[in-house]
Amino acid sequence: MSMHSTYDMLRHLADSYGLLVMLLIFVVLIAWPFRPGARERNSEAANLIFKDENDG
């Protein structure tokens, strides 16, 4: 297999499946904070900046 055909194969793979993989990763990252059971951790993270260093 020559270098040119390897490049063509990788280019075709990126063109056909690369966008699909990036879209899937994007959707998972956007949906992650909205999963069931994440409300408490999200609330804690949102209020972390208001926590004093002397608070428990």
PDB file of N, CA and C in Angstrom:
ATOM      1  N   MET A   1       0.857  -1.172   0.000  1.00  0.00           N
ATOM      2  CA  MET A   1       0.000   0.000   0.000  1.00  0.00           C
ATOM      3  C   MET A   1       0.907   1.241   0.000  1.00  0.00           C
ATOM      4  N   SER A   2       0.704   2.095  -0.942  1.00  0.00           N
ATOM      5  CA  SER A   2       1.571   3.272  -1.050  1.00  0.00           C
ATOM      6  C   SER A   2       1.074   4.384  -0.123  1.00  0.00           C
ATOM      7  N   MET A   3       1.915   5.390   0.047  1.00  0.00           N
ATOM      8  CA  MET A   3       1.602   6.509   0.924  1.00  0.00           C
ATOM      9  C   MET A   3       0.371   7.262   0.418  1.00  0.00           C
ATOM     10  N   HIS A   4       0.257   7.381  -0.888  1.00  0.00           N
ATOM     11  CA  HIS A   4      -0.858   8.131  -1.462  1.00  0.00           C
ATOM     12  C   HIS A   4      -2.191   7.426  -1.187  1.00  0.00           C
ATOM     13  N   SER A   5      -2.234   6.120  -1.310  1.00  0.00           N
ATOM     14  CA  SER A   5      -3.487   5.413  -1.074  1.00  0.00           C
ATOM     15  C   SER A   5      -3.854   5.408   0.422  1.00  0.00           C
ATOM     16  N   THR A   6      -2.859   5.411   1.300  1.00  0.00           N
ATOM     17  CA  THR A   6      -3.136   5.515   2.734  1.00  0.00           C
ATOM     18  C   THR A   6      -3.750   6.871   3.040  1.00  0.00           C
ATOM     19  N   TYR A   7      -3.194   7.903   2.455  1.00  0.00           N
ATOM     20  CA  TYR A   7      -3.740   9.249   2.635  1.00  0.00           C
ATOM     21  C   TYR A   7      -5.177   9.312   2.124  1.00  0.00           C
ATOM     22  N   ASP A   8      -5.410   8.757   0.947  1.00  0.00           N
ATOM     23  CA  ASP A   8      -6.760   8.767   0.381  1.00  0.00           C
ATOM     24  C   ASP A   8      -7.747   8.013   1.270  1.00  0.00           C
ATOM     25  N   MET A   9      -7.305   6.877   1.813  1.00  0.00           N
ATOM     26  CA  MET A   9      -8.164   6.095   2.687  1.00  0.00           C
ATOM     27  C   MET A   9      -8.506   6.877   3.959  1.00  0.00           C
ATOM     28  N   LEU A  10      -7.500   7.502   4.579  1.00  0.00           N
ATOM     29  CA  LEU A  10      -7.738   8.284   5.789  1.00  0.00           C
ATOM     30  C   LEU A  10      -8.598   9.512   5.497  1.00  0.00           C
ATOM     31  N   ARG A  11      -8.386  10.115   4.352  1.00  0.00           N
ATOM     32  CA  ARG A  11      -9.181  11.287   3.961  1.00  0.00           C
ATOM     33  C   ARG A  11     -10.645  10.889   3.761  1.00  0.00           C
ATOM     34  N   HIS A  12     -10.867   9.757   3.116  1.00  0.00           N
ATOM     35  CA  HIS A  12     -12.225   9.280   2.908  1.00  0.00           C
ATOM     36  C   HIS A  12     -12.895   8.952   4.246  1.00  0.00           C
ATOM     37  N   LEU A  13     -12.166   8.331   5.159  1.00  0.00           N
ATOM     38  CA  LEU A  13     -12.693   8.008   6.477  1.00  0.00           C
ATOM     39  C   LEU A  13     -13.084   9.275   7.229  1.00  0.00           C
ATOM     40  N   ALA A  14     -12.221  10.281   7.175  1.00  0.00           N
ATOM     41  CA  ALA A  14     -12.508  11.546   7.855  1.00  0.00           C
ATOM     42  C   ALA A  14     -13.696  12.254   7.215  1.00  0.00           C
ATOM     43  N   ASP A  15     -13.786  12.206   5.903  1.00  0.00           N
ATOM     44  CA  ASP A  15     -14.898  12.861   5.210  1.00  0.00           C
ATOM     45  C   ASP A  15     -16.223  12.170   5.491  1.00  0.00           C
ATOM     46  N   SER A  16     -16.203  10.867   5.591  1.00  0.00           N
ATOM     47  CA  SER A  16     -17.466  10.151   5.725  1.00  0.00           C
ATOM     48  C   SER A  16     -17.901  10.005   7.176  1.00  0.00           C
ATOM     49  N   TYR A  17     -16.985   9.695   8.076  1.00  0.00           N
ATOM     50  CA  TYR A  17     -17.354   9.418   9.461  1.00  0.00           C
ATOM     51  C   TYR A  17     -16.874  10.472  10.449  1.00  0.00           C
ATOM     52  N   GLY A  18     -15.923  11.296  10.077  1.00  0.00           N
ATOM     53  CA  GLY A  18     -15.381  12.298  10.995  1.00  0.00           C
ATOM     54  C   GLY A  18     -16.429  13.283  11.471  1.00  0.00           C
ATOM     55  N   LEU A  19     -17.244  13.779  10.541  1.00  0.00           N
ATOM     56  CA  LEU A  19     -18.287  14.732  10.915  1.00  0.00           C
ATOM     57  C   LEU A  19     -19.328  14.073  11.804  1.00  0.00           C
ATOM     58  N   LEU A  20     -19.661  12.832  11.516  1.00  0.00           N
ATOM     59  CA  LEU A  20     -20.622  12.108  12.334  1.00  0.00           C
ATOM     60  C   LEU A  20     -20.102  11.906  13.756  1.00  0.00           C
ATOM     61  N   VAL A  21     -18.834  11.548  13.893  1.00  0.00           N
ATOM     62  CA  VAL A  21     -18.230  11.356  15.216  1.00  0.00           C
ATOM     63  C   VAL A  21     -18.187  12.676  15.982  1.00  0.00           C
ATOM     64  N   MET A  22     -17.790  13.768  15.313  1.00  0.00           N
ATOM     65  CA  MET A  22     -17.751  15.070  15.983  1.00  0.00           C
ATOM     66  C   MET A  22     -19.146  15.510  16.416  1.00  0.00           C
ATOM     67  N   LEU A  23     -20.156  15.257  15.594  1.00  0.00           N
ATOM     68  CA  LEU A  23     -21.530  15.604  15.942  1.00  0.00           C
ATOM     69  C   LEU A  23     -22.000  14.791  17.145  1.00  0.00           C
ATOM     70  N   LEU A  24     -21.681  13.516  17.174  1.00  0.00           N
ATOM     71  CA  LEU A  24     -22.053  12.660  18.297  1.00  0.00           C
ATOM     72  C   LEU A  24     -21.391  13.134  19.592  1.00  0.00           C
ATOM     73  N   ILE A  25     -20.109  13.470  19.533  1.00  0.00           N
ATOM     74  CA  ILE A  25     -19.403  13.975  20.716  1.00  0.00           C
ATOM     75  C   ILE A  25     -20.026  15.286  21.183  1.00  0.00           C
ATOM     76  N   PHE A  26     -20.366  16.167  20.246  1.00  0.00           N
ATOM     77  CA  PHE A  26     -20.988  17.441  20.579  1.00  0.00           C
ATOM     78  C   PHE A  26     -22.320  17.233  21.296  1.00  0.00           C
ATOM     79  N   VAL A  27     -23.148  16.343  20.770  1.00  0.00           N
ATOM     80  CA  VAL A  27     -24.460  16.091  21.369  1.00  0.00           C
ATOM     81  C   VAL A  27     -24.308  15.499  22.769  1.00  0.00           C
ATOM     82  N   VAL A  28     -23.365  14.588  22.952  1.00  0.00           N
ATOM     83  CA  VAL A  28     -23.146  13.996  24.278  1.00  0.00           C
ATOM     84  C   VAL A  28     -22.685  15.057  25.269  1.00  0.00           C
ATOM     85  N   LEU A  29     -21.766  15.924  24.861  1.00  0.00           N
ATOM     86  CA  LEU A  29     -21.275  16.962  25.774  1.00  0.00           C
ATOM     87  C   LEU A  29     -22.356  17.983  26.120  1.00  0.00           C
ATOM     88  N   ILE A  30     -23.227  18.288  25.171  1.00  0.00           N
ATOM     89  CA  ILE A  30     -24.315  19.225  25.447  1.00  0.00           C
ATOM     90  C   ILE A  30     -25.355  18.583  26.367  1.00  0.00           C
ATOM     91  N   ALA A  31     -25.631  17.300  26.174  1.00  0.00           N
ATOM     92  CA  ALA A  31     -26.662  16.619  26.953  1.00  0.00           C
ATOM     93  C   ALA A  31     -26.188  16.201  28.345  1.00  0.00           C
ATOM     94  N   TRP A  32     -24.874  16.115  28.554  1.00  0.00           N
ATOM     95  CA  TRP A  32     -24.330  15.593  29.814  1.00  0.00           C
ATOM     96  C   TRP A  32     -24.864  16.308  31.061  1.00  0.00           C
ATOM     97  N   PRO A  33     -24.923  17.642  31.122  1.00  0.00           N
ATOM     98  CA  PRO A  33     -25.425  18.302  32.333  1.00  0.00           C
ATOM     99  C   PRO A  33     -26.915  18.081  32.582  1.00  0.00           C
ATOM    100  N   PHE A  34     -27.660  17.643  31.572  1.00  0.00           N
ATOM    101  CA  PHE A  34     -29.104  17.479  31.700  1.00  0.00           C
ATOM    102  C   PHE A  34     -29.516  16.043  32.003  1.00  0.00           C
ATOM    103  N   ARG A  35     -28.541  15.183  32.253  1.00  0.00           N
ATOM    104  CA  ARG A  35     -28.863  13.784  32.537  1.00  0.00           C
ATOM    105  C   ARG A  35     -29.525  13.679  33.908  1.00  0.00           C
ATOM    106  N   PRO A  36     -30.312  12.617  34.121  1.00  0.00           N
ATOM    107  CA  PRO A  36     -30.952  12.436  35.433  1.00  0.00           C
ATOM    108  C   PRO A  36     -29.900  12.275  36.540  1.00  0.00           C
ATOM    109  N   GLY A  37     -30.135  12.910  37.645  1.00  0.00           N
ATOM    110  CA  GLY A  37     -29.223  12.798  38.777  1.00  0.00           C
ATOM    111  C   GLY A  37     -28.107  13.819  38.787  1.00  0.00           C
ATOM    112  N   ALA A  38     -28.040  14.679  37.805  1.00  0.00           N
ATOM    113  CA  ALA A  38     -26.961  15.655  37.743  1.00  0.00           C
ATOM    114  C   ALA A  38     -27.334  16.992  38.384  1.00  0.00           C
ATOM    115  N   ARG A  39     -28.576  17.144  38.772  1.00  0.00           N
ATOM    116  CA  ARG A  39     -29.034  18.437  39.297  1.00  0.00           C
ATOM    117  C   ARG A  39     -28.241  18.880  40.526  1.00  0.00           C
ATOM    118  N   GLU A  40     -28.002  17.962  41.454  1.00  0.00           N
ATOM    119  CA  GLU A  40     -27.293  18.323  42.687  1.00  0.00           C
ATOM    120  C   GLU A  40     -25.857  18.762  42.394  1.00  0.00           C
ATOM    121  N   ARG A  41     -25.156  18.018  41.548  1.00  0.00           N
ATOM    122  CA  ARG A  41     -23.769  18.395  41.216  1.00  0.00           C
ATOM    123  C   ARG A  41     -23.721  19.708  40.452  1.00  0.00           C
ATOM    124  N   ASN A  42     -24.682  19.940  39.570  1.00  0.00           N
ATOM    125  CA  ASN A  42     -24.719  21.192  38.822  1.00  0.00           C
ATOM    126  C   ASN A  42     -24.979  22.372  39.742  1.00  0.00           C
ATOM    127  N   SER A  43     -25.884  22.193  40.684  1.00  0.00           N
ATOM    128  CA  SER A  43     -26.186  23.253  41.639  1.00  0.00           C
ATOM    129  C   SER A  43     -24.977  23.551  42.520  1.00  0.00           C
ATOM    130  N   GLU A  44     -24.300  22.495  42.960  1.00  0.00           N
ATOM    131  CA  GLU A  44     -23.104  22.670  43.776  1.00  0.00           C
ATOM    132  C   GLU A  44     -22.012  23.413  42.999  1.00  0.00           C
ATOM    133  N   ALA A  45     -21.818  23.057  41.756  1.00  0.00           N
ATOM    134  CA  ALA A  45     -20.798  23.709  40.927  1.00  0.00           C
ATOM    135  C   ALA A  45     -21.161  25.172  40.658  1.00  0.00           C
ATOM    136  N   ALA A  46     -22.453  25.435  40.456  1.00  0.00           N
ATOM    137  CA  ALA A  46     -22.883  26.803  40.176  1.00  0.00           C
ATOM    138  C   ALA A  46     -22.694  27.712  41.384  1.00  0.00           C
ATOM    139  N   ASN A  47     -22.830  27.174  42.591  1.00  0.00           N
ATOM    140  CA  ASN A  47     -22.725  27.981  43.807  1.00  0.00           C
ATOM    141  C   ASN A  47     -21.345  27.933  44.437  1.00  0.00           C
ATOM    142  N   LEU A  48     -20.421  27.239  43.836  1.00  0.00           N
ATOM    143  CA  LEU A  48     -19.085  27.087  44.397  1.00  0.00           C
ATOM    144  C   LEU A  48     -18.356  28.424  44.524  1.00  0.00           C
ATOM    145  N   ILE A  49     -18.593  29.342  43.606  1.00  0.00           N
ATOM    146  CA  ILE A  49     -17.892  30.636  43.670  1.00  0.00           C
ATOM    147  C   ILE A  49     -18.347  31.478  44.843  1.00  0.00           C
ATOM    148  N   PHE A  50     -19.504  31.178  45.421  1.00  0.00           N
ATOM    149  CA  PHE A  50     -20.011  31.942  46.542  1.00  0.00           C
ATOM    150  C   PHE A  50     -19.588  31.366  47.888  1.00  0.00           C
ATOM    151  N   LYS A  51     -18.944  30.216  47.856  1.00  0.00           N
ATOM    152  CA  LYS A  51     -18.543  29.543  49.085  1.00  0.00           C
ATOM    153  C   LYS A  51     -17.296  30.218  49.658  1.00  0.00           C
ATOM    154  N   ASP A  52     -17.351  30.512  50.956  1.00  0.00           N
ATOM    155  CA  ASP A  52     -16.215  31.129  51.634  1.00  0.00           C
ATOM    156  C   ASP A  52     -15.200  30.035  51.982  1.00  0.00           C
ATOM    157  N   GLU A  53     -13.939  30.393  52.013  1.00  0.00           N
ATOM    158  CA  GLU A  53     -12.921  29.382  52.321  1.00  0.00           C
ATOM    159  C   GLU A  53     -13.050  28.843  53.744  1.00  0.00           C
ATOM    160  N   ASN A  54     -13.735  29.563  54.642  1.00  0.00           N
ATOM    161  CA  ASN A  54     -13.935  29.103  56.004  1.00  0.00           C
ATOM    162  C   ASN A  54     -15.177  28.242  56.173  1.00  0.00           C
ATOM    163  N   ASP A  55     -16.005  28.166  55.128  1.00  0.00           N
ATOM    164  CA  ASP A  55     -17.205  27.334  55.199  1.00  0.00           C
ATOM    165  C   ASP A  55     -16.801  25.860  55.162  1.00  0.00           C
ATOM    166  N   GLY A  56     -17.642  25.024  55.756  1.00  0.00           N
ATOM    167  CA  GLY A  56     -17.378  23.593  55.821  1.00  0.00           C
ATOM    168  C   GLY A  56     -17.720  22.902  54.587  1.00  0.00           C
TER     169      GLY A  56
END
